[in-house]
Protein backbone atom coordinates (compact mmCIF):
# COMPACT_ATOMS: atom_id res chain seq x y z
CA MET A 1 -5.70 -93.01 4.87
CA ARG A 2 -3.26 -92.73 7.78
CA SER A 3 -5.12 -95.67 9.64
CA ALA A 4 -4.44 -97.71 6.80
CA ALA A 5 -1.60 -96.83 6.60
CA ARG A 6 -0.43 -97.87 10.19
CA THR A 7 -2.85 -101.13 9.62
CA THR A 8 0.24 -102.10 6.51
CA GLY A 9 2.82 -101.57 9.13
CA SER A 10 2.11 -103.24 11.27
CA GLN A 11 0.80 -106.72 9.29
CA ARG A 12 4.52 -106.50 7.76
CA PRO A 13 6.43 -106.76 10.87
CA ARG A 14 3.97 -109.59 11.30
CA ALA A 15 4.68 -111.66 8.64
CA GLU A 16 7.75 -111.14 8.05
CA GLY A 17 8.62 -112.45 12.63
CA LEU A 18 6.02 -115.30 11.25
CA ALA A 19 8.05 -116.20 8.06
CA ARG A 20 10.88 -115.98 10.39
CA ARG A 21 9.24 -118.59 13.21
CA ARG A 22 8.78 -121.21 9.90
CA ALA A 23 11.99 -121.07 8.89
CA ALA A 24 13.59 -121.43 12.24
CA PHE A 25 10.86 -124.13 12.27
CA GLY A 26 11.97 -125.77 8.83
CA LEU A 27 15.50 -125.54 10.29
CA ALA A 28 15.77 -127.71 13.10
CA MET A 29 13.37 -130.22 11.45
CA LEU A 30 16.40 -130.81 9.14
CA MET A 31 18.91 -130.56 11.45
CA ALA A 32 16.67 -133.19 13.68
CA TRP A 33 16.20 -135.91 11.16
CA SER A 34 19.78 -135.05 10.19
CA ALA A 35 20.67 -136.32 13.31
CA LEU A 36 18.76 -138.98 13.05
CA GLY A 37 21.05 -140.39 10.37
CA VAL A 38 17.74 -139.97 8.27
CA PRO A 39 18.25 -138.57 4.03
CA ILE A 40 15.99 -135.52 3.01
CA GLY A 41 13.28 -136.63 1.14
CA ALA A 42 14.05 -140.21 2.65
CA ARG A 43 9.91 -140.12 3.93
CA ALA A 44 8.37 -139.58 1.10
CA ALA A 45 10.32 -142.38 -0.77
CA GLY A 46 9.56 -145.86 0.30
CA PRO A 47 11.75 -148.02 0.68
CA GLU A 48 14.11 -149.52 -1.38
CA LEU A 49 17.42 -152.12 -2.04
CA ALA A 50 20.55 -150.06 -2.21
CA ILE A 51 23.02 -153.42 -2.62
CA PHE A 52 22.12 -157.25 -4.14
CA SER A 53 23.88 -159.50 -5.59
CA VAL A 54 24.01 -162.98 -5.53
CA GLN A 55 27.05 -165.38 -5.02
CA ARG A 56 28.00 -169.02 -6.26
CA ASP A 57 30.92 -170.14 -4.81
CA GLU A 58 31.60 -174.23 -3.71
CA GLU A 59 30.29 -173.93 -0.74
CA GLY A 60 26.81 -172.90 -1.93
CA LEU A 61 24.72 -169.15 -2.70
CA SER A 62 25.05 -166.18 -0.30
CA ILE A 63 23.60 -162.85 -1.16
CA ASP A 64 24.08 -158.86 0.46
CA TYR A 65 21.67 -157.18 0.21
CA ALA A 66 21.31 -153.09 1.35
CA VAL A 67 17.63 -151.90 2.37
CA ASN A 68 17.49 -148.19 2.42
CA PHE A 69 13.98 -147.46 4.16
CA GLU A 70 12.19 -145.00 7.41
CA LEU A 71 9.34 -146.40 9.48
CA PRO A 72 5.89 -145.72 8.29
CA ARG A 73 3.95 -143.32 10.86
CA GLY A 74 1.87 -145.95 12.74
CA ALA A 75 5.12 -147.76 13.27
CA GLU A 76 6.74 -145.68 14.35
CA GLU A 77 4.38 -144.38 17.03
CA ALA A 78 4.48 -147.80 18.40
CA LEU A 79 8.09 -148.16 18.88
CA ASN A 80 8.11 -144.60 20.50
CA LYS A 81 5.85 -146.06 22.55
CA ALA A 82 8.40 -149.03 23.51
CA VAL A 83 6.35 -151.36 21.22
CA PRO A 84 8.28 -154.47 19.90
CA LEU A 85 8.92 -154.59 16.13
CA TYR A 86 9.81 -157.30 13.69
CA PHE A 87 12.17 -157.23 10.77
CA VAL A 88 11.70 -160.03 8.61
CA ALA A 89 14.21 -161.43 5.50
CA GLU A 90 13.21 -164.17 2.91
CA ALA A 91 15.49 -165.77 0.48
CA GLU A 92 13.69 -168.89 -1.95
CA VAL A 93 15.92 -170.54 -4.15
CA PHE A 94 13.77 -171.68 -7.33
CA ARG A 95 15.10 -173.94 -10.51
CA ASP A 96 13.51 -173.40 -13.50
CA ARG A 97 11.52 -176.26 -14.92
CA TRP A 98 9.49 -175.78 -18.06
CA TYR A 99 6.62 -178.88 -17.82
CA TRP A 100 5.54 -177.44 -14.26
CA ARG A 101 5.51 -174.91 -11.58
CA ASP A 102 9.57 -173.73 -10.67
CA LYS A 103 10.90 -176.44 -8.08
CA ARG A 104 11.90 -174.71 -5.17
CA VAL A 105 15.51 -176.31 -3.88
CA ALA A 106 16.44 -173.93 -1.29
CA SER A 107 15.37 -171.66 1.57
CA ALA A 108 16.13 -169.07 4.30
CA SER A 109 14.39 -166.37 6.69
CA ARG A 110 15.74 -164.43 9.34
CA VAL A 111 14.24 -162.35 11.34
CA TRP A 112 14.80 -158.95 13.93
CA ARG A 113 13.56 -158.11 17.06
CA ILE A 114 13.45 -154.36 17.60
CA VAL A 115 12.02 -152.08 21.31
CA TYR A 116 12.79 -149.43 22.67
CA GLN A 117 13.91 -149.17 25.71
CA PRO A 118 12.80 -145.76 27.47
CA LEU A 119 14.51 -146.39 30.92
CA THR A 120 17.92 -146.29 29.63
CA ALA A 121 16.75 -144.41 26.51
CA ASN A 122 18.44 -147.64 24.72
CA TYR A 123 17.46 -149.67 21.65
CA ARG A 124 17.81 -152.93 22.13
CA VAL A 125 18.39 -155.48 18.80
CA THR A 126 17.51 -159.93 19.44
CA PHE A 127 18.88 -161.65 16.59
CA GLY A 128 19.43 -165.34 16.34
CA GLY A 129 18.96 -165.80 20.27
CA LEU A 130 21.29 -162.74 21.05
CA SER A 131 20.29 -159.38 21.71
CA GLN A 132 22.55 -156.38 21.29
CA SER A 133 21.75 -152.42 23.05
CA TYR A 134 22.40 -149.61 20.42
CA PRO A 135 23.01 -145.51 22.24
CA ASN A 136 20.11 -144.49 19.42
CA ARG A 137 18.07 -145.29 16.43
CA ALA A 138 20.38 -145.37 13.84
CA GLU A 139 22.86 -147.93 15.15
CA ALA A 140 20.29 -150.40 15.62
CA PHE A 141 18.94 -150.19 12.48
CA ALA A 142 21.53 -150.61 11.13
CA VAL A 143 22.26 -154.34 11.65
CA ILE A 144 18.93 -154.70 10.64
CA ARG A 145 18.89 -153.07 7.21
CA ARG A 146 22.05 -154.77 5.82
CA GLY A 147 23.48 -158.06 5.56
CA ALA A 148 26.33 -160.08 3.97
CA SER A 149 26.94 -163.16 3.04
CA TRP A 150 24.49 -164.25 4.07
CA LYS A 151 23.97 -168.13 2.84
CA VAL A 152 20.65 -169.14 0.94
CA ALA A 153 21.46 -172.79 -0.53
CA GLU A 154 23.78 -175.30 0.01
CA ALA A 155 26.10 -176.37 -3.46
CA SER A 156 24.21 -179.66 -3.28
CA GLN A 157 20.96 -177.68 -4.26
CA ILE A 158 21.92 -176.38 -6.88
CA GLU A 159 21.45 -178.48 -9.97
CA GLU A 160 24.36 -178.06 -12.34
CA GLY A 161 23.33 -177.39 -15.52
CA SER A 162 19.91 -175.74 -14.83
CA ARG A 163 18.50 -172.24 -14.52
CA HIS A 164 18.52 -171.02 -10.99
CA TYR A 165 16.79 -167.82 -9.26
CA VAL A 166 16.60 -166.31 -6.49
CA GLU A 167 13.15 -164.71 -4.97
CA PHE A 168 13.90 -161.99 -2.03
CA SER A 169 11.54 -160.42 0.21
CA PHE A 170 12.79 -157.45 3.35
CA ARG A 171 9.48 -156.27 5.09
CA LEU A 172 7.96 -154.93 9.14
CA ASP A 173 6.09 -158.07 9.79
CA THR A 174 3.05 -157.19 11.26
CA SER A 175 2.00 -160.95 11.98
CA LEU A 176 4.26 -160.25 14.60
CA LEU A 177 2.91 -157.99 17.25
CA PRO A 178 1.24 -158.29 20.12
CA ARG A 179 -2.20 -160.14 19.46
CA PRO A 180 -4.94 -157.00 20.32
CA MET A 181 -2.75 -154.63 17.75
CA GLN A 182 -2.92 -157.05 14.40
CA ILE A 183 -6.49 -156.29 14.71
CA GLY A 184 -6.81 -154.08 11.21
CA ILE A 185 -3.58 -153.21 11.10
CA ALA A 186 -2.44 -155.77 7.71
CA SER A 187 -4.54 -152.77 5.71
CA GLN A 188 -3.14 -149.40 7.15
CA THR A 189 -0.56 -148.61 5.17
CA ASP A 190 0.72 -146.78 8.44
CA TRP A 191 2.38 -150.06 8.51
CA ALA A 192 3.48 -150.88 5.76
CA LEU A 193 7.10 -151.62 4.63
CA SER A 194 8.16 -154.38 2.05
CA VAL A 195 10.27 -154.76 -0.96
CA GLU A 196 11.06 -157.82 -3.01
CA ARG A 197 13.17 -158.23 -6.16
CA THR A 198 13.83 -161.40 -8.31
CA GLN A 199 17.20 -162.49 -9.59
CA ARG A 200 19.02 -165.36 -11.92
CA PHE A 201 22.20 -166.28 -11.34
CA ASP A 202 24.42 -169.06 -13.35
């Protein structure tokens, strides 16, 4: 009986120590995610449009958007290994036609390239032929996630008296990855990141 009591007593400190280590590990992970600017629980959710609005004026049609997302595991591993990733935003403007398929009257697209530079521990984002380095991932992706006053159609392309709508999409474009990496990626959930929105406007 005394032997059994000693065994039970020795197991209790071990269990308590294990619980403390697990708690410390969990706290460290939370602090790491917080330092990266990642909301807790964000990895469980897919990408979402936090902001999306359409504005029409005398100069044409423009949109504002903000996409909340976290990198899928495969994409994050590739980025950490200095593989460039490409993100694409596309907008198409359609006019309703009751007698035929709706007519596409305008389209626009944006492409960002982001790559991690291990020697400087910076992230370089290229957009429209211009490149900018950022000291951390949060600042680099802040540029990619948002768009303000993005003009997607000229005023002359919008017909008065007709009904129109915008189809918007934002995605991680695996077709622009180095060719050897493209094999089989399209069907992998570790690389799936896309969000879409359709909205009518006056």
